[in-house]
C-alpha atoms as a PDB file:
ATOM      1  CA  UNK A   1     184.921  15.935 -44.628  1.00  0.00           C
ATOM      2  CA  UNK A   2     184.149  18.400 -41.857  1.00  0.00           C
ATOM      3  CA  UNK A   3     181.075  20.496 -41.559  1.00  0.00           C
ATOM      4  CA  UNK A   4     180.577  23.650 -39.646  1.00  0.00           C
ATOM      5  CA  UNK A   5     177.424  25.369 -38.555  1.00  0.00           C
ATOM      6  CA  UNK A   6     177.390  29.088 -38.143  1.00  0.00           C
ATOM      7  CA  UNK A   7     175.365  30.643 -35.362  1.00  0.00           C
ATOM      8  CA  UNK A   8     173.185  32.275 -38.046  1.00  0.00           C
ATOM      9  CA  UNK A   9     171.855  28.881 -39.163  1.00  0.00           C
ATOM     10  CA  UNK A  10     170.827  27.864 -35.622  1.00  0.00           C
ATOM     11  CA  UNK A  11     167.365  29.091 -34.758  1.00  0.00           C
ATOM     12  CA  UNK A  12     166.537  30.917 -31.537  1.00  0.00           C
ATOM     13  CA  UNK A  13     165.060  27.825 -29.871  1.00  0.00           C
ATOM     14  CA  UNK A  14     168.243  25.834 -30.512  1.00  0.00           C
ATOM     15  CA  UNK A  15     170.385  28.679 -29.163  1.00  0.00           C
ATOM     16  CA  UNK A  16     168.216  28.797 -26.053  1.00  0.00           C
ATOM     17  CA  UNK A  17     168.566  25.025 -25.600  1.00  0.00           C
ATOM     18  CA  UNK A  18     172.351  25.263 -25.994  1.00  0.00           C
ATOM     19  CA  UNK A  19     172.551  28.034 -23.398  1.00  0.00           C
ATOM     20  CA  UNK A  20     170.332  26.044 -21.001  1.00  0.00           C
ATOM     21  CA  UNK A  21     172.489  22.942 -21.465  1.00  0.00           C
ATOM     22  CA  UNK A  22     175.678  24.949 -20.851  1.00  0.00           C
ATOM     23  CA  UNK A  23     174.222  26.530 -17.698  1.00  0.00           C
ATOM     24  CA  UNK A  24     173.147  23.125 -16.406  1.00  0.00           C
ATOM     25  CA  UNK A  25     176.586  21.617 -17.014  1.00  0.00           C
ATOM     26  CA  UNK A  26     178.314  24.649 -15.451  1.00  0.00           C
ATOM     27  CA  UNK A  27     176.075  24.478 -12.354  1.00  0.00           C
ATOM     28  CA  UNK A  28     176.695  20.741 -12.058  1.00  0.00           C
ATOM     29  CA  UNK A  29     180.466  21.299 -12.238  1.00  0.00           C
ATOM     30  CA  UNK A  30     180.321  24.060  -9.619  1.00  0.00           C
ATOM     31  CA  UNK A  31     178.559  21.720  -7.213  1.00  0.00           C
ATOM     32  CA  UNK A  32     180.728  18.668  -7.733  1.00  0.00           C
ATOM     33  CA  UNK A  33     184.187  19.906  -8.670  1.00  0.00           C
ATOM     34  CA  UNK A  34     186.123  22.077  -6.199  1.00  0.00           C
ATOM     35  CA  UNK A  35     186.758  25.573  -7.523  1.00  0.00           C
ATOM     36  CA  UNK A  36     189.871  25.830  -5.320  1.00  0.00           C
ATOM     37  CA  UNK A  37     191.657  22.917  -6.989  1.00  0.00           C
ATOM     38  CA  UNK A  38     192.405  23.714 -10.642  1.00  0.00           C
ATOM     39  CA  UNK A  39     194.363  20.482 -11.170  1.00  0.00           C
ATOM     40  CA  UNK A  40     191.424  18.354 -10.029  1.00  0.00           C
ATOM     41  CA  UNK A  41     188.985  20.468 -12.065  1.00  0.00           C
ATOM     42  CA  UNK A  42     191.079  20.014 -15.225  1.00  0.00           C
ATOM     43  CA  UNK A  43     191.535  16.308 -14.617  1.00  0.00           C
ATOM     44  CA  UNK A  44     187.818  15.736 -14.003  1.00  0.00           C
ATOM     45  CA  UNK A  45     186.637  17.738 -17.003  1.00  0.00           C
ATOM     46  CA  UNK A  46     189.153  16.252 -19.452  1.00  0.00           C
ATOM     47  CA  UNK A  47     188.728  12.551 -18.697  1.00  0.00           C
ATOM     48  CA  UNK A  48     186.655  10.307 -20.927  1.00  0.00           C
ATOM     49  CA  UNK A  49     183.107   9.957 -19.618  1.00  0.00           C
ATOM     50  CA  UNK A  50     181.560   6.644 -18.646  1.00  0.00           C
ATOM     51  CA  UNK A  51     179.419   5.887 -21.691  1.00  0.00           C
ATOM     52  CA  UNK A  52     175.945   4.430 -21.331  1.00  0.00           C
ATOM     53  CA  UNK A  53     173.654   4.090 -24.309  1.00  0.00           C
ATOM     54  CA  UNK A  54     170.269   5.789 -24.348  1.00  0.00           C
ATOM     55  CA  UNK A  55     168.373   2.551 -23.715  1.00  0.00           C
ATOM     56  CA  UNK A  56     171.189   0.765 -21.913  1.00  0.00           C
ATOM     57  CA  UNK A  57     170.780   0.256 -18.135  1.00  0.00           C
ATOM     58  CA  UNK A  58     173.527   0.905 -15.621  1.00  0.00           C
ATOM     59  CA  UNK A  59     175.165  -2.125 -14.088  1.00  0.00           C
ATOM     60  CA  UNK A  60     173.506  -3.342 -10.905  1.00  0.00           C
ATOM     61  CA  UNK A  61     176.614  -2.668  -8.818  1.00  0.00           C
ATOM     62  CA  UNK A  62     176.820   0.914 -10.122  1.00  0.00           C
ATOM     63  CA  UNK A  63     173.126   1.502  -9.404  1.00  0.00           C
ATOM     64  CA  UNK A  64     173.576   0.207  -5.848  1.00  0.00           C
ATOM     65  CA  UNK A  65     176.593   2.426  -5.291  1.00  0.00           C
ATOM     66  CA  UNK A  66     174.786   5.519  -6.614  1.00  0.00           C
ATOM     67  CA  UNK A  67     171.741   4.708  -4.493  1.00  0.00           C
ATOM     68  CA  UNK A  68     173.917   4.312  -1.416  1.00  0.00           C
ATOM     69  CA  UNK A  69     175.707   7.610  -2.011  1.00  0.00           C
ATOM     70  CA  UNK A  70     172.489   9.489  -2.687  1.00  0.00           C
ATOM     71  CA  UNK A  71     170.451   8.018   0.124  1.00  0.00           C
ATOM     72  CA  UNK A  72     172.985   7.584   2.902  1.00  0.00           C
ATOM     73  CA  UNK A  73     175.093  10.623   2.139  1.00  0.00           C
ATOM     74  CA  UNK A  74     172.680  13.146   0.754  1.00  0.00           C
ATOM     75  CA  UNK A  75     169.071  12.371   1.650  1.00  0.00           C
ATOM     76  CA  UNK A  76     169.697  11.320   5.258  1.00  0.00           C
ATOM     77  CA  UNK A  77     172.110  14.211   5.759  1.00  0.00           C
ATOM     78  CA  UNK A  78     169.608  16.656   4.297  1.00  0.00           C
ATOM     79  CA  UNK A  79     166.884  15.400   6.645  1.00  0.00           C
ATOM     80  CA  UNK A  80     169.132  15.839   9.704  1.00  0.00           C
ATOM     81  CA  UNK A  81     170.054  19.369   8.603  1.00  0.00           C
ATOM     82  CA  UNK A  82     166.425  20.256   7.955  1.00  0.00           C
ATOM     83  CA  UNK A  83     165.430  19.133  11.451  1.00  0.00           C
ATOM     84  CA  UNK A  84     168.277  21.190  12.953  1.00  0.00           C
ATOM     85  CA  UNK A  85     167.167  24.263  10.953  1.00  0.00           C
ATOM     86  CA  UNK A  86     163.599  23.899  12.184  1.00  0.00           C
ATOM     87  CA  UNK A  87     164.807  23.598  15.782  1.00  0.00           C
ATOM     88  CA  UNK A  88     166.956  26.732  15.440  1.00  0.00           C
ATOM     89  CA  UNK A  89     164.113  28.842  14.067  1.00  0.00           C
ATOM     90  CA  UNK A  90     161.891  27.862  16.998  1.00  0.00           C
ATOM     91  CA  UNK A  91     164.408  29.101  19.562  1.00  0.00           C
ATOM     92  CA  UNK A  92     163.688  32.564  20.951  1.00  0.00           C
ATOM     93  CA  UNK A  93     167.415  33.255  21.504  1.00  0.00           C
ATOM     94  CA  UNK A  94     168.545  32.476  17.931  1.00  0.00           C
ATOM     95  CA  UNK A  95     169.600  35.164  15.466  1.00  0.00           C
ATOM     96  CA  UNK A  96     170.955  34.420  11.996  1.00  0.00           C
ATOM     97  CA  UNK A  97     173.081  37.556  12.097  1.00  0.00           C
ATOM     98  CA  UNK A  98     174.566  36.731  15.515  1.00  0.00           C
ATOM     99  CA  UNK A  99     175.337  33.234  14.269  1.00  0.00           C
ATOM    100  CA  UNK A 100     177.086  34.645  11.172  1.00  0.00           C
ATOM    101  CA  UNK A 101     179.087  37.080  13.316  1.00  0.00           C
ATOM    102  CA  UNK A 102     180.165  34.241  15.629  1.00  0.00           C
ATOM    103  CA  UNK A 103     181.916  32.622  12.681  1.00  0.00           C
ATOM    104  CA  UNK A 104     183.086  35.883  11.037  1.00  0.00           C
ATOM    105  CA  UNK A 105     184.968  37.203  14.068  1.00  0.00           C
ATOM    106  CA  UNK A 106     187.087  39.670  12.057  1.00  0.00           C
ATOM    107  CA  UNK A 107     183.929  41.280  10.629  1.00  0.00           C
ATOM    108  CA  UNK A 108     185.065  40.723   7.038  1.00  0.00           C
ATOM    109  CA  UNK A 109     181.510  40.222   5.828  1.00  0.00           C
ATOM    110  CA  UNK A 110     182.233  36.696   4.681  1.00  0.00           C
ATOM    111  CA  UNK A 111     183.070  33.276   6.019  1.00  0.00           C
ATOM    112  CA  UNK A 112     186.114  31.778   4.343  1.00  0.00           C
ATOM    113  CA  UNK A 113     188.031  28.583   5.007  1.00  0.00           C
ATOM    114  CA  UNK A 114     190.126  30.194   7.753  1.00  0.00           C
ATOM    115  CA  UNK A 115     187.091  31.681   9.570  1.00  0.00           C
ATOM    116  CA  UNK A 116     185.266  28.373   9.515  1.00  0.00           C
ATOM    117  CA  UNK A 117     188.331  26.370  10.585  1.00  0.00           C
ATOM    118  CA  UNK A 118     188.943  28.701  13.545  1.00  0.00           C
ATOM    119  CA  UNK A 119     185.273  28.622  14.551  1.00  0.00           C
ATOM    120  CA  UNK A 120     185.184  24.835  14.442  1.00  0.00           C
ATOM    121  CA  UNK A 121     188.310  24.623  16.614  1.00  0.00           C
ATOM    122  CA  UNK A 122     186.795  27.044  19.148  1.00  0.00           C
ATOM    123  CA  UNK A 123     183.720  24.781  19.223  1.00  0.00           C
ATOM    124  CA  UNK A 124     185.894  21.721  19.901  1.00  0.00           C
ATOM    125  CA  UNK A 125     185.682  20.134  16.440  1.00  0.00           C
ATOM    126  CA  UNK A 126     188.747  19.437  14.336  1.00  0.00           C
ATOM    127  CA  UNK A 127     187.654  18.700  10.759  1.00  0.00           C
ATOM    128  CA  UNK A 128     190.242  17.987   8.092  1.00  0.00           C
ATOM    129  CA  UNK A 129     190.827  20.319   5.136  1.00  0.00           C
ATOM    130  CA  UNK A 130     188.493  18.371   2.828  1.00  0.00           C
ATOM    131  CA  UNK A 131     185.620  18.708   5.292  1.00  0.00           C
ATOM    132  CA  UNK A 132     186.167  22.451   5.670  1.00  0.00           C
ATOM    133  CA  UNK A 133     186.280  22.934   1.883  1.00  0.00           C
ATOM    134  CA  UNK A 134     183.172  20.765   1.457  1.00  0.00           C
ATOM    135  CA  UNK A 135     181.254  22.822   4.026  1.00  0.00           C
ATOM    136  CA  UNK A 136     182.139  26.110   2.346  1.00  0.00           C
ATOM    137  CA  UNK A 137     181.350  24.728  -1.110  1.00  0.00           C
ATOM    138  CA  UNK A 138     177.966  23.461   0.079  1.00  0.00           C
ATOM    139  CA  UNK A 139     176.853  26.970   1.065  1.00  0.00           C
ATOM    140  CA  UNK A 140     178.840  29.035  -1.473  1.00  0.00           C
ATOM    141  CA  UNK A 141     176.256  29.804  -4.154  1.00  0.00           C
ATOM    142  CA  UNK A 142     178.382  32.191  -6.245  1.00  0.00           C
ATOM    143  CA  UNK A 143     181.521  29.978  -6.245  1.00  0.00           C
ATOM    144  CA  UNK A 144     183.877  32.611  -4.812  1.00  0.00           C
ATOM    145  CA  UNK A 145     185.204  30.258  -2.098  1.00  0.00           C
ATOM    146  CA  UNK A 146     183.526  32.202   0.682  1.00  0.00           C
ATOM    147  CA  UNK A 147     180.075  32.488   2.238  1.00  0.00           C
ATOM    148  CA  UNK A 148     178.473  35.924   2.432  1.00  0.00           C
ATOM    149  CA  UNK A 149     175.595  36.748   4.768  1.00  0.00           C
ATOM    150  CA  UNK A 150     172.908  36.195   2.104  1.00  0.00           C
ATOM    151  CA  UNK A 151     174.259  32.710   1.339  1.00  0.00           C
ATOM    152  CA  UNK A 152     174.547  31.938   5.046  1.00  0.00           C
ATOM    153  CA  UNK A 153     171.021  33.063   5.921  1.00  0.00           C
ATOM    154  CA  UNK A 154     169.591  31.185   2.925  1.00  0.00           C
ATOM    155  CA  UNK A 155     171.306  27.999   4.124  1.00  0.00           C
ATOM    156  CA  UNK A 156     169.738  28.327   7.584  1.00  0.00           C
ATOM    157  CA  UNK A 157     166.181  28.735   6.320  1.00  0.00           C
ATOM    158  CA  UNK A 158     164.073  25.619   6.890  1.00  0.00           C
END
């Protein structure tokens, strides 16, 4: 026996909760799953999730791994970036626009993978493709695979 619920029987509060849940899941996917790789996106969204009951704890090894990823990779990295942002703002010779233009040499109004790769090479750094994509994704708020000036200047604010 299957049951169906029409949207008319769901009250406004439930609709609002559903929309909020969808937006949260969509935002989470945009952050974690590359928008440039449709195969990976499909694979990640269609696999069975790791099930944990409401009152069931994670395994100790999984908790340690998550803690390590969050602390070492994210929190420490965020702190280093925040310190660098604060140092930049204090400099009298720093301009967000000049910095953006240094990366966007062709004056396209955006920083894409190619712009960033070329800039990094000019600066003597040779990141692999995954690192370039990760950098763009980190700053790309509208998920269009490029960084516009508003996104760039927001990322540089301490």
